Amino acid sequence: MDFQRHIFYTTEYLPFATKVEIINTAFTKNTKWWVDILDCNKSFSRKEIKMSFQEIMYKFNEKCAFKIIYRRGYEIPFYGEIIFSTMGNPSYFLWIKLNEDDFFELIKLFQLIPK
């Protein structure tokens, strides 16, 4: 059986404004979202923090790492994930989970291509 556990989508070619639109669209349909911080001066582990969506979006810029992933597991339901990281110290991470149907609607809407 050919089973690729996680499928990453190409995001490098996307204009910054489209990335913002993808994040905002995903946020409106999310099943769960949260923000982590990684401060290597204190720890080498990410920790979940309380931060509003508006606050984390102020940190999003063209230098951030941006990922779109279709997560498939053996015992968990399939789901989509939209992620960005500020790539600094400290580094902030936004995680947005989408159910499978909403994820594929987003993929179709933005004509995203698997790697």
PDB file of N, CA and C in Angstrom:
ATOM      1  N   MET A   1       0.845  -1.187   0.000  1.00  0.00           N
ATOM      2  CA  MET A   1       0.000   0.000   0.000  1.00  0.00           C
ATOM      3  C   MET A   1       0.886   1.244   0.000  1.00  0.00           C
ATOM      4  N   ASP A   2       0.672   2.125  -0.954  1.00  0.00           N
ATOM      5  CA  ASP A   2       1.429   3.371  -1.032  1.00  0.00           C
ATOM      6  C   ASP A   2       0.722   4.404  -0.162  1.00  0.00           C
ATOM      7  N   PHE A   3       1.323   4.710   0.978  1.00  0.00           N
ATOM      8  CA  PHE A   3       0.686   5.606   1.934  1.00  0.00           C
ATOM      9  C   PHE A   3       1.694   6.641   2.394  1.00  0.00           C
ATOM     10  N   GLN A   4       1.544   7.852   1.903  1.00  0.00           N
ATOM     11  CA  GLN A   4       2.395   8.949   2.340  1.00  0.00           C
ATOM     12  C   GLN A   4       1.708   9.590   3.533  1.00  0.00           C
ATOM     13  N   ARG A   5       2.360   9.551   4.691  1.00  0.00           N
ATOM     14  CA  ARG A   5       1.713  10.029   5.920  1.00  0.00           C
ATOM     15  C   ARG A   5       1.339  11.496   5.879  1.00  0.00           C
ATOM     16  N   HIS A   6       2.248  12.353   5.490  1.00  0.00           N
ATOM     17  CA  HIS A   6       1.970  13.782   5.497  1.00  0.00           C
ATOM     18  C   HIS A   6       2.292  14.355   4.117  1.00  0.00           C
ATOM     19  N   ILE A   7       1.397  15.169   3.624  1.00  0.00           N
ATOM     20  CA  ILE A   7       1.593  15.793   2.323  1.00  0.00           C
ATOM     21  C   ILE A   7       1.765  17.293   2.540  1.00  0.00           C
ATOM     22  N   PHE A   8       2.907  17.804   2.099  1.00  0.00           N
ATOM     23  CA  PHE A   8       3.203  19.223   2.200  1.00  0.00           C
ATOM     24  C   PHE A   8       2.828  19.898   0.887  1.00  0.00           C
ATOM     25  N   TYR A   9       2.345  21.113   0.985  1.00  0.00           N
ATOM     26  CA  TYR A   9       1.959  21.880  -0.196  1.00  0.00           C
ATOM     27  C   TYR A   9       2.990  22.973  -0.456  1.00  0.00           C
ATOM     28  N   THR A  10       3.203  23.258  -1.728  1.00  0.00           N
ATOM     29  CA  THR A  10       4.160  24.278  -2.126  1.00  0.00           C
ATOM     30  C   THR A  10       3.620  25.652  -1.746  1.00  0.00           C
ATOM     31  N   THR A  11       4.420  26.417  -1.005  1.00  0.00           N
ATOM     32  CA  THR A  11       4.002  27.759  -0.591  1.00  0.00           C
ATOM     33  C   THR A  11       5.013  28.831  -0.977  1.00  0.00           C
ATOM     34  N   GLU A  12       6.167  28.413  -1.460  1.00  0.00           N
ATOM     35  CA  GLU A  12       7.254  29.358  -1.731  1.00  0.00           C
ATOM     36  C   GLU A  12       6.876  30.400  -2.780  1.00  0.00           C
ATOM     37  N   TYR A  13       6.074  30.010  -3.745  1.00  0.00           N
ATOM     38  CA  TYR A  13       5.716  30.906  -4.848  1.00  0.00           C
ATOM     39  C   TYR A  13       4.577  31.858  -4.494  1.00  0.00           C
ATOM     40  N   LEU A  14       3.920  31.638  -3.370  1.00  0.00           N
ATOM     41  CA  LEU A  14       2.747  32.439  -3.026  1.00  0.00           C
ATOM     42  C   LEU A  14       3.127  33.854  -2.611  1.00  0.00           C
ATOM     43  N   PRO A  15       2.420  34.856  -3.113  1.00  0.00           N
ATOM     44  CA  PRO A  15       2.653  36.225  -2.640  1.00  0.00           C
ATOM     45  C   PRO A  15       2.259  36.330  -1.160  1.00  0.00           C
ATOM     46  N   PHE A  16       2.885  37.252  -0.470  1.00  0.00           N
ATOM     47  CA  PHE A  16       2.617  37.429   0.960  1.00  0.00           C
ATOM     48  C   PHE A  16       1.127  37.678   1.225  1.00  0.00           C
ATOM     49  N   ALA A  17       0.494  38.503   0.416  1.00  0.00           N
ATOM     50  CA  ALA A  17      -0.930  38.805   0.610  1.00  0.00           C
ATOM     51  C   ALA A  17      -1.786  37.544   0.514  1.00  0.00           C
ATOM     52  N   THR A  18      -1.417  36.608  -0.353  1.00  0.00           N
ATOM     53  CA  THR A  18      -2.154  35.347  -0.478  1.00  0.00           C
ATOM     54  C   THR A  18      -1.955  34.500   0.770  1.00  0.00           C
ATOM     55  N   LYS A  19      -0.758  34.479   1.314  1.00  0.00           N
ATOM     56  CA  LYS A  19      -0.502  33.743   2.557  1.00  0.00           C
ATOM     57  C   LYS A  19      -1.380  34.282   3.681  1.00  0.00           C
ATOM     58  N   VAL A  20      -1.481  35.601   3.774  1.00  0.00           N
ATOM     59  CA  VAL A  20      -2.335  36.227   4.792  1.00  0.00           C
ATOM     60  C   VAL A  20      -3.785  35.809   4.578  1.00  0.00           C
ATOM     61  N   GLU A  21      -4.220  35.813   3.329  1.00  0.00           N
ATOM     62  CA  GLU A  21      -5.600  35.416   3.008  1.00  0.00           C
ATOM     63  C   GLU A  21      -5.845  33.947   3.363  1.00  0.00           C
ATOM     64  N   ILE A  22      -4.881  33.085   3.102  1.00  0.00           N
ATOM     65  CA  ILE A  22      -5.009  31.662   3.461  1.00  0.00           C
ATOM     66  C   ILE A  22      -5.143  31.510   4.971  1.00  0.00           C
ATOM     67  N   ILE A  23      -4.299  32.195   5.712  1.00  0.00           N
ATOM     68  CA  ILE A  23      -4.357  32.106   7.177  1.00  0.00           C
ATOM     69  C   ILE A  23      -5.703  32.601   7.689  1.00  0.00           C
ATOM     70  N   ASN A  24      -6.157  33.746   7.196  1.00  0.00           N
ATOM     71  CA  ASN A  24      -7.437  34.288   7.651  1.00  0.00           C
ATOM     72  C   ASN A  24      -8.600  33.375   7.296  1.00  0.00           C
ATOM     73  N   THR A  25      -8.573  32.803   6.095  1.00  0.00           N
ATOM     74  CA  THR A  25      -9.623  31.867   5.688  1.00  0.00           C
ATOM     75  C   THR A  25      -9.602  30.622   6.568  1.00  0.00           C
ATOM     76  N   ALA A  26      -8.421  30.082   6.801  1.00  0.00           N
ATOM     77  CA  ALA A  26      -8.294  28.896   7.657  1.00  0.00           C
ATOM     78  C   ALA A  26      -8.784  29.193   9.066  1.00  0.00           C
ATOM     79  N   PHE A  27      -8.464  30.362   9.559  1.00  0.00           N
ATOM     80  CA  PHE A  27      -8.880  30.714  10.924  1.00  0.00           C
ATOM     81  C   PHE A  27     -10.399  30.704  11.065  1.00  0.00           C
ATOM     82  N   THR A  28     -11.108  31.145  10.040  1.00  0.00           N
ATOM     83  CA  THR A  28     -12.574  31.190  10.121  1.00  0.00           C
ATOM     84  C   THR A  28     -13.199  29.799  10.124  1.00  0.00           C
ATOM     85  N   LYS A  29     -12.439  28.779   9.687  1.00  0.00           N
ATOM     86  CA  LYS A  29     -12.976  27.419   9.595  1.00  0.00           C
ATOM     87  C   LYS A  29     -12.285  26.444  10.559  1.00  0.00           C
ATOM     88  N   ASN A  30     -11.431  26.947  11.429  1.00  0.00           N
ATOM     89  CA  ASN A  30     -10.594  26.065  12.243  1.00  0.00           C
ATOM     90  C   ASN A  30     -11.384  25.185  13.198  1.00  0.00           C
ATOM     91  N   THR A  31     -10.822  24.015  13.474  1.00  0.00           N
ATOM     92  CA  THR A  31     -11.347  23.162  14.537  1.00  0.00           C
ATOM     93  C   THR A  31     -10.569  23.397  15.826  1.00  0.00           C
ATOM     94  N   LYS A  32      -9.350  23.940  15.673  1.00  0.00           N
ATOM     95  CA  LYS A  32      -8.518  24.280  16.823  1.00  0.00           C
ATOM     96  C   LYS A  32      -7.385  25.169  16.324  1.00  0.00           C
ATOM     97  N   TRP A  33      -6.983  26.096  17.147  1.00  0.00           N
ATOM     98  CA  TRP A  33      -5.804  26.922  16.838  1.00  0.00           C
ATOM     99  C   TRP A  33      -5.121  27.279  18.148  1.00  0.00           C
ATOM    100  N   TRP A  34      -3.822  27.553  18.060  1.00  0.00           N
ATOM    101  CA  TRP A  34      -3.074  27.975  19.240  1.00  0.00           C
ATOM    102  C   TRP A  34      -1.753  28.598  18.811  1.00  0.00           C
ATOM    103  N   VAL A  35      -1.107  29.225  19.782  1.00  0.00           N
ATOM    104  CA  VAL A  35       0.186  29.859  19.560  1.00  0.00           C
ATOM    105  C   VAL A  35       1.188  29.243  20.525  1.00  0.00           C
ATOM    106  N   ASP A  36       2.367  28.923  20.009  1.00  0.00           N
ATOM    107  CA  ASP A  36       3.489  28.461  20.826  1.00  0.00           C
ATOM    108  C   ASP A  36       4.598  29.498  20.766  1.00  0.00           C
ATOM    109  N   ILE A  37       5.440  29.459  21.787  1.00  0.00           N
ATOM    110  CA  ILE A  37       6.649  30.271  21.792  1.00  0.00           C
ATOM    111  C   ILE A  37       7.840  29.351  22.020  1.00  0.00           C
ATOM    112  N   LEU A  38       8.934  29.659  21.372  1.00  0.00           N
ATOM    113  CA  LEU A  38      10.198  28.969  21.597  1.00  0.00           C
ATOM    114  C   LEU A  38      11.233  30.036  21.909  1.00  0.00           C
ATOM    115  N   ASP A  39      11.640  30.083  23.172  1.00  0.00           N
ATOM    116  CA  ASP A  39      12.661  31.024  23.612  1.00  0.00           C
ATOM    117  C   ASP A  39      13.869  30.206  24.035  1.00  0.00           C
ATOM    118  N   CYS A  40      14.844  30.111  23.148  1.00  0.00           N
ATOM    119  CA  CYS A  40      16.013  29.254  23.398  1.00  0.00           C
ATOM    120  C   CYS A  40      16.879  29.759  24.545  1.00  0.00           C
ATOM    121  N   ASN A  41      16.659  30.982  25.014  1.00  0.00           N
ATOM    122  CA  ASN A  41      17.366  31.461  26.197  1.00  0.00           C
ATOM    123  C   ASN A  41      16.809  30.821  27.471  1.00  0.00           C
ATOM    124  N   LYS A  42      15.584  30.266  27.363  1.00  0.00           N
ATOM    125  CA  LYS A  42      14.930  29.664  28.526  1.00  0.00           C
ATOM    126  C   LYS A  42      14.746  28.158  28.385  1.00  0.00           C
ATOM    127  N   SER A  43      14.518  27.677  27.166  1.00  0.00           N
ATOM    128  CA  SER A  43      14.200  26.272  26.949  1.00  0.00           C
ATOM    129  C   SER A  43      14.397  25.934  25.476  1.00  0.00           C
ATOM    130  N   PHE A  44      14.537  24.652  25.190  1.00  0.00           N
ATOM    131  CA  PHE A  44      14.610  24.205  23.803  1.00  0.00           C
ATOM    132  C   PHE A  44      13.311  23.520  23.389  1.00  0.00           C
ATOM    133  N   SER A  45      12.251  23.762  24.138  1.00  0.00           N
ATOM    134  CA  SER A  45      10.932  23.216  23.835  1.00  0.00           C
ATOM    135  C   SER A  45       9.947  24.353  23.598  1.00  0.00           C
ATOM    136  N   ARG A  46       9.067  24.145  22.638  1.00  0.00           N
ATOM    137  CA  ARG A  46       7.988  25.112  22.441  1.00  0.00           C
ATOM    138  C   ARG A  46       7.002  24.985  23.588  1.00  0.00           C
ATOM    139  N   LYS A  47       6.382  26.123  23.938  1.00  0.00           N
ATOM    140  CA  LYS A  47       5.351  26.130  24.975  1.00  0.00           C
ATOM    141  C   LYS A  47       4.156  26.919  24.467  1.00  0.00           C
ATOM    142  N   GLU A  48       2.969  26.375  24.698  1.00  0.00           N
ATOM    143  CA  GLU A  48       1.757  27.078  24.304  1.00  0.00           C
ATOM    144  C   GLU A  48       1.581  28.311  25.173  1.00  0.00           C
ATOM    145  N   ILE A  49       1.173  29.418  24.539  1.00  0.00           N
ATOM    146  CA  ILE A  49       0.931  30.659  25.269  1.00  0.00           C
ATOM    147  C   ILE A  49      -0.422  31.231  24.873  1.00  0.00           C
ATOM    148  N   LYS A  50      -0.922  32.120  25.704  1.00  0.00           N
ATOM    149  CA  LYS A  50      -2.159  32.839  25.403  1.00  0.00           C
ATOM    150  C   LYS A  50      -1.801  34.055  24.562  1.00  0.00           C
ATOM    151  N   MET A  51      -2.335  34.109  23.354  1.00  0.00           N
ATOM    152  CA  MET A  51      -2.133  35.248  22.476  1.00  0.00           C
ATOM    153  C   MET A  51      -3.311  35.283  21.523  1.00  0.00           C
ATOM    154  N   SER A  52      -3.852  36.462  21.288  1.00  0.00           N
ATOM    155  CA  SER A  52      -4.993  36.576  20.383  1.00  0.00           C
ATOM    156  C   SER A  52      -4.540  36.352  18.943  1.00  0.00           C
ATOM    157  N   PHE A  53      -5.499  36.025  18.095  1.00  0.00           N
ATOM    158  CA  PHE A  53      -5.206  35.843  16.678  1.00  0.00           C
ATOM    159  C   PHE A  53      -4.662  37.147  16.087  1.00  0.00           C
ATOM    160  N   GLN A  54      -5.251  38.251  16.466  1.00  0.00           N
ATOM    161  CA  GLN A  54      -4.792  39.550  15.963  1.00  0.00           C
ATOM    162  C   GLN A  54      -3.342  39.813  16.380  1.00  0.00           C
ATOM    163  N   GLU A  55      -2.982  39.496  17.602  1.00  0.00           N
ATOM    164  CA  GLU A  55      -1.607  39.710  18.071  1.00  0.00           C
ATOM    165  C   GLU A  55      -0.601  38.861  17.290  1.00  0.00           C
ATOM    166  N   ILE A  56      -0.928  37.582  17.077  1.00  0.00           N
ATOM    167  CA  ILE A  56       0.021  36.728  16.357  1.00  0.00           C
ATOM    168  C   ILE A  56       0.123  37.157  14.900  1.00  0.00           C
ATOM    169  N   MET A  57      -0.958  37.643  14.319  1.00  0.00           N
ATOM    170  CA  MET A  57      -0.906  38.086  12.926  1.00  0.00           C
ATOM    171  C   MET A  57      -0.041  39.335  12.752  1.00  0.00           C
ATOM    172  N   TYR A  58       0.086  40.153  13.797  1.00  0.00           N
ATOM    173  CA  TYR A  58       0.994  41.307  13.730  1.00  0.00           C
ATOM    174  C   TYR A  58       2.443  40.848  13.586  1.00  0.00           C
ATOM    175  N   LYS A  59       2.735  39.628  14.006  1.00  0.00           N
ATOM    176  CA  LYS A  59       4.094  39.094  13.928  1.00  0.00           C
ATOM    177  C   LYS A  59       4.385  38.417  12.578  1.00  0.00           C
ATOM    178  N   PHE A  60       3.343  38.167  11.803  1.00  0.00           N
ATOM    179  CA  PHE A  60       3.528  37.491  10.517  1.00  0.00           C
ATOM    180  C   PHE A  60       4.083  38.467   9.493  1.00  0.00           C
ATOM    181  N   ASN A  61       5.180  38.082   8.849  1.00  0.00           N
ATOM    182  CA  ASN A  61       5.782  38.924   7.816  1.00  0.00           C
ATOM    183  C   ASN A  61       6.395  38.029   6.742  1.00  0.00           C
ATOM    184  N   GLU A  62       6.990  38.636   5.734  1.00  0.00           N
ATOM    185  CA  GLU A  62       7.511  37.892   4.589  1.00  0.00           C
ATOM    186  C   GLU A  62       8.683  36.981   4.929  1.00  0.00           C
ATOM    187  N   LYS A  63       9.322  37.185   6.067  1.00  0.00           N
ATOM    188  CA  LYS A  63      10.463  36.353   6.464  1.00  0.00           C
ATOM    189  C   LYS A  63      10.039  35.100   7.235  1.00  0.00           C
ATOM    190  N   CYS A  64       8.776  34.998   7.591  1.00  0.00           N
ATOM    191  CA  CYS A  64       8.291  33.862   8.370  1.00  0.00           C
ATOM    192  C   CYS A  64       8.270  32.576   7.542  1.00  0.00           C
ATOM    193  N   ALA A  65       8.527  31.464   8.208  1.00  0.00           N
ATOM    194  CA  ALA A  65       8.325  30.152   7.588  1.00  0.00           C
ATOM    195  C   ALA A  65       6.816  29.910   7.551  1.00  0.00           C
ATOM    196  N   PHE A  66       6.330  29.385   6.425  1.00  0.00           N
ATOM    197  CA  PHE A  66       4.896  29.183   6.225  1.00  0.00           C
ATOM    198  C   PHE A  66       4.690  27.803   5.628  1.00  0.00           C
ATOM    199  N   LYS A  67       3.864  26.976   6.273  1.00  0.00           N
ATOM    200  CA  LYS A  67       3.647  25.597   5.830  1.00  0.00           C
ATOM    201  C   LYS A  67       2.168  25.275   5.767  1.00  0.00           C
ATOM    202  N   ILE A  68       1.815  24.453   4.785  1.00  0.00           N
ATOM    203  CA  ILE A  68       0.469  23.892   4.659  1.00  0.00           C
ATOM    204  C   ILE A  68       0.662  22.389   4.527  1.00  0.00           C
ATOM    205  N   ILE A  69       0.022  21.642   5.431  1.00  0.00           N
ATOM    206  CA  ILE A  69       0.276  20.201   5.513  1.00  0.00           C
ATOM    207  C   ILE A  69      -1.043  19.447   5.659  1.00  0.00           C
ATOM    208  N   TYR A  70      -1.152  18.371   4.911  1.00  0.00           N
ATOM    209  CA  TYR A  70      -2.253  17.431   5.093  1.00  0.00           C
ATOM    210  C   TYR A  70      -1.706  16.298   5.946  1.00  0.00           C
ATOM    211  N   ARG A  71      -2.190  16.197   7.169  1.00  0.00           N
ATOM    212  CA  ARG A  71      -1.697  15.203   8.129  1.00  0.00           C
ATOM    213  C   ARG A  71      -2.551  13.941   8.050  1.00  0.00           C
ATOM    214  N   ARG A  72      -1.868  12.820   7.836  1.00  0.00           N
ATOM    215  CA  ARG A  72      -2.569  11.535   7.796  1.00  0.00           C
ATOM    216  C   ARG A  72      -1.865  10.587   8.741  1.00  0.00           C
ATOM    217  N   GLY A  73      -2.641   9.986   9.605  1.00  0.00           N
ATOM    218  CA  GLY A  73      -2.077   9.049  10.558  1.00  0.00           C
ATOM    219  C   GLY A  73      -2.793   7.728  10.493  1.00  0.00           C
ATOM    220  N   TYR A  74      -2.372   6.828  11.313  1.00  0.00           N
ATOM    221  CA  TYR A  74      -2.980   5.497  11.331  1.00  0.00           C
ATOM    222  C   TYR A  74      -4.147   5.421  12.299  1.00  0.00           C
ATOM    223  N   GLU A  75      -4.086   6.190  13.379  1.00  0.00           N
ATOM    224  CA  GLU A  75      -5.138   6.103  14.388  1.00  0.00           C
ATOM    225  C   GLU A  75      -5.817   7.435  14.659  1.00  0.00           C
ATOM    226  N   ILE A  76      -5.390   8.493  13.996  1.00  0.00           N
ATOM    227  CA  ILE A  76      -6.025   9.791  14.178  1.00  0.00           C
ATOM    228  C   ILE A  76      -6.758  10.156  12.897  1.00  0.00           C
ATOM    229  N   PRO A  77      -7.808  10.960  13.020  1.00  0.00           N
ATOM    230  CA  PRO A  77      -8.486  11.392  11.790  1.00  0.00           C
ATOM    231  C   PRO A  77      -7.547  12.245  10.933  1.00  0.00           C
ATOM    232  N   PHE A  78      -7.777  12.246   9.647  1.00  0.00           N
ATOM    233  CA  PHE A  78      -7.000  13.095   8.747  1.00  0.00           C
ATOM    234  C   PHE A  78      -7.388  14.552   9.026  1.00  0.00           C
ATOM    235  N   TYR A  79      -6.443  15.451   8.890  1.00  0.00           N
ATOM    236  CA  TYR A  79      -6.742  16.863   9.073  1.00  0.00           C
ATOM    237  C   TYR A  79      -5.698  17.703   8.341  1.00  0.00           C
ATOM    238  N   GLY A  80      -6.032  18.970   8.164  1.00  0.00           N
ATOM    239  CA  GLY A  80      -5.114  19.903   7.535  1.00  0.00           C
ATOM    240  C   GLY A  80      -4.538  20.837   8.576  1.00  0.00           C
ATOM    241  N   GLU A  81      -3.343  21.338   8.290  1.00  0.00           N
ATOM    242  CA  GLU A  81      -2.674  22.238   9.212  1.00  0.00           C
ATOM    243  C   GLU A  81      -2.060  23.400   8.437  1.00  0.00           C
ATOM    244  N   ILE A  82      -2.291  24.594   8.930  1.00  0.00           N
ATOM    245  CA  ILE A  82      -1.668  25.797   8.408  1.00  0.00           C
ATOM    246  C   ILE A  82      -0.780  26.311   9.533  1.00  0.00           C
ATOM    247  N   ILE A  83       0.500  26.550   9.231  1.00  0.00           N
ATOM    248  CA  ILE A  83       1.464  26.886  10.274  1.00  0.00           C
ATOM    249  C   ILE A  83       2.354  28.027   9.790  1.00  0.00           C
ATOM    250  N   PHE A  84       2.689  28.923  10.718  1.00  0.00           N
ATOM    251  CA  PHE A  84       3.817  29.811  10.437  1.00  0.00           C
ATOM    252  C   PHE A  84       4.662  29.966  11.682  1.00  0.00           C
ATOM    253  N   SER A  85       5.927  30.282  11.448  1.00  0.00           N
ATOM    254  CA  SER A  85       6.885  30.532  12.522  1.00  0.00           C
ATOM    255  C   SER A  85       7.641  31.807  12.198  1.00  0.00           C
ATOM    256  N   THR A  86       7.864  32.621  13.223  1.00  0.00           N
ATOM    257  CA  THR A  86       8.579  33.880  13.026  1.00  0.00           C
ATOM    258  C   THR A  86      10.081  33.678  12.883  1.00  0.00           C
ATOM    259  N   MET A  87      10.588  32.514  13.217  1.00  0.00           N
ATOM    260  CA  MET A  87      11.989  32.152  12.984  1.00  0.00           C
ATOM    261  C   MET A  87      12.995  33.061  13.699  1.00  0.00           C
ATOM    262  N   GLY A  88      12.647  33.577  14.850  1.00  0.00           N
ATOM    263  CA  GLY A  88      13.575  34.418  15.606  1.00  0.00           C
ATOM    264  C   GLY A  88      13.824  33.824  16.975  1.00  0.00           C
ATOM    265  N   ASN A  89      14.364  34.606  17.848  1.00  0.00           N
ATOM    266  CA  ASN A  89      14.497  34.190  19.243  1.00  0.00           C
ATOM    267  C   ASN A  89      14.066  35.363  20.112  1.00  0.00           C
ATOM    268  N   PRO A  90      12.877  35.260  20.709  1.00  0.00           N
ATOM    269  CA  PRO A  90      12.034  34.070  20.662  1.00  0.00           C
ATOM    270  C   PRO A  90      11.335  33.922  19.315  1.00  0.00           C
ATOM    271  N   SER A  91      10.908  32.705  19.046  1.00  0.00           N
ATOM    272  CA  SER A  91      10.159  32.407  17.842  1.00  0.00           C
ATOM    273  C   SER A  91       8.718  32.076  18.227  1.00  0.00           C
ATOM    274  N   TYR A  92       7.785  32.625  17.474  1.00  0.00           N
ATOM    275  CA  TYR A  92       6.366  32.370  17.717  1.00  0.00           C
ATOM    276  C   TYR A  92       5.831  31.493  16.590  1.00  0.00           C
ATOM    277  N   PHE A  93       4.930  30.589  16.945  1.00  0.00           N
ATOM    278  CA  PHE A  93       4.329  29.656  16.000  1.00  0.00           C
ATOM    279  C   PHE A  93       2.813  29.776  16.079  1.00  0.00           C
ATOM    280  N   LEU A  94       2.174  29.901  14.938  1.00  0.00           N
ATOM    281  CA  LEU A  94       0.717  29.816  14.862  1.00  0.00           C
ATOM    282  C   LEU A  94       0.375  28.475  14.241  1.00  0.00           C
ATOM    283  N   TRP A  95      -0.511  27.744  14.891  1.00  0.00           N
ATOM    284  CA  TRP A  95      -0.990  26.456  14.400  1.00  0.00           C
ATOM    285  C   TRP A  95      -2.494  26.565  14.195  1.00  0.00           C
ATOM    286  N   ILE A  96      -2.963  26.203  13.004  1.00  0.00           N
ATOM    287  CA  ILE A  96      -4.402  26.180  12.715  1.00  0.00           C
ATOM    288  C   ILE A  96      -4.737  24.799  12.155  1.00  0.00           C
ATOM    289  N   LYS A  97      -5.660  24.111  12.818  1.00  0.00           N
ATOM    290  CA  LYS A  97      -6.122  22.807  12.341  1.00  0.00           C
ATOM    291  C   LYS A  97      -7.471  22.965  11.653  1.00  0.00           C
ATOM    292  N   LEU A  98      -7.622  22.217  10.559  1.00  0.00           N
ATOM    293  CA  LEU A  98      -8.882  22.192   9.808  1.00  0.00           C
ATOM    294  C   LEU A  98      -9.323  20.748   9.616  1.00  0.00           C
ATOM    295  N   ASN A  99     -10.628  20.529   9.639  1.00  0.00           N
ATOM    296  CA  ASN A  99     -11.079  19.177   9.302  1.00  0.00           C
ATOM    297  C   ASN A  99     -10.791  18.931   7.824  1.00  0.00           C
ATOM    298  N   GLU A 100     -10.858  17.692   7.433  1.00  0.00           N
ATOM    299  CA  GLU A 100     -10.453  17.283   6.086  1.00  0.00           C
ATOM    300  C   GLU A 100     -11.237  18.008   4.982  1.00  0.00           C
ATOM    301  N   ASP A 101     -12.547  18.110   5.125  1.00  0.00           N
ATOM    302  CA  ASP A 101     -13.366  18.761   4.090  1.00  0.00           C
ATOM    303  C   ASP A 101     -13.003  20.238   3.938  1.00  0.00           C
ATOM    304  N   ASP A 102     -12.907  20.947   5.055  1.00  0.00           N
ATOM    305  CA  ASP A 102     -12.563  22.368   4.994  1.00  0.00           C
ATOM    306  C   ASP A 102     -11.151  22.576   4.455  1.00  0.00           C
ATOM    307  N   PHE A 103     -10.238  21.663   4.802  1.00  0.00           N
ATOM    308  CA  PHE A 103      -8.871  21.766   4.304  1.00  0.00           C
ATOM    309  C   PHE A 103      -8.861  21.662   2.776  1.00  0.00           C
ATOM    310  N   PHE A 104      -9.567  20.678   2.234  1.00  0.00           N
ATOM    311  CA  PHE A 104      -9.554  20.510   0.784  1.00  0.00           C
ATOM    312  C   PHE A 104     -10.319  21.614   0.054  1.00  0.00           C
ATOM    313  N   GLU A 105     -11.294  22.230   0.710  1.00  0.00           N
ATOM    314  CA  GLU A 105     -11.934  23.418   0.133  1.00  0.00           C
ATOM    315  C   GLU A 105     -10.913  24.551   0.016  1.00  0.00           C
ATOM    316  N   LEU A 106     -10.088  24.716   1.044  1.00  0.00           N
ATOM    317  CA  LEU A 106      -9.046  25.734   1.037  1.00  0.00           C
ATOM    318  C   LEU A 106      -8.015  25.456  -0.054  1.00  0.00           C
ATOM    319  N   ILE A 107      -7.623  24.196  -0.184  1.00  0.00           N
ATOM    320  CA  ILE A 107      -6.666  23.803  -1.223  1.00  0.00           C
ATOM    321  C   ILE A 107      -7.221  24.150  -2.603  1.00  0.00           C
ATOM    322  N   LYS A 108      -8.488  23.835  -2.816  1.00  0.00           N
ATOM    323  CA  LYS A 108      -9.120  24.113  -4.112  1.00  0.00           C
ATOM    324  C   LYS A 108      -9.272  25.629  -4.341  1.00  0.00           C
ATOM    325  N   LEU A 109      -9.715  26.343  -3.321  1.00  0.00           N
ATOM    326  CA  LEU A 109      -9.924  27.789  -3.427  1.00  0.00           C
ATOM    327  C   LEU A 109      -8.649  28.518  -3.839  1.00  0.00           C
ATOM    328  N   PHE A 110      -7.515  28.120  -3.249  1.00  0.00           N
ATOM    329  CA  PHE A 110      -6.245  28.800  -3.525  1.00  0.00           C
ATOM    330  C   PHE A 110      -5.381  28.051  -4.550  1.00  0.00           C
ATOM    331  N   GLN A 111      -5.930  26.990  -5.128  1.00  0.00           N
ATOM    332  CA  GLN A 111      -5.239  26.205  -6.156  1.00  0.00           C
ATOM    333  C   GLN A 111      -3.825  25.797  -5.716  1.00  0.00           C
ATOM    334  N   LEU A 112      -3.759  25.241  -4.503  1.00  0.00           N
ATOM    335  CA  LEU A 112      -2.479  24.840  -3.938  1.00  0.00           C
ATOM    336  C   LEU A 112      -2.032  23.496  -4.497  1.00  0.00           C
ATOM    337  N   ILE A 113      -0.735  23.329  -4.613  1.00  0.00           N
ATOM    338  CA  ILE A 113      -0.137  22.166  -5.260  1.00  0.00           C
ATOM    339  C   ILE A 113       0.690  21.373  -4.266  1.00  0.00           C
ATOM    340  N   PRO A 114       0.477  20.047  -4.183  1.00  0.00           N
ATOM    341  CA  PRO A 114       1.328  19.239  -3.298  1.00  0.00           C
ATOM    342  C   PRO A 114       2.767  19.200  -3.822  1.00  0.00           C
ATOM    343  N   LYS A 115       3.692  19.109  -2.889  1.00  0.00           N
ATOM    344  CA  LYS A 115       5.117  18.999  -3.292  1.00  0.00           C
ATOM    345  C   LYS A 115       5.397  17.619  -3.821  1.00  0.00           C
TER     346      LYS A 115
END
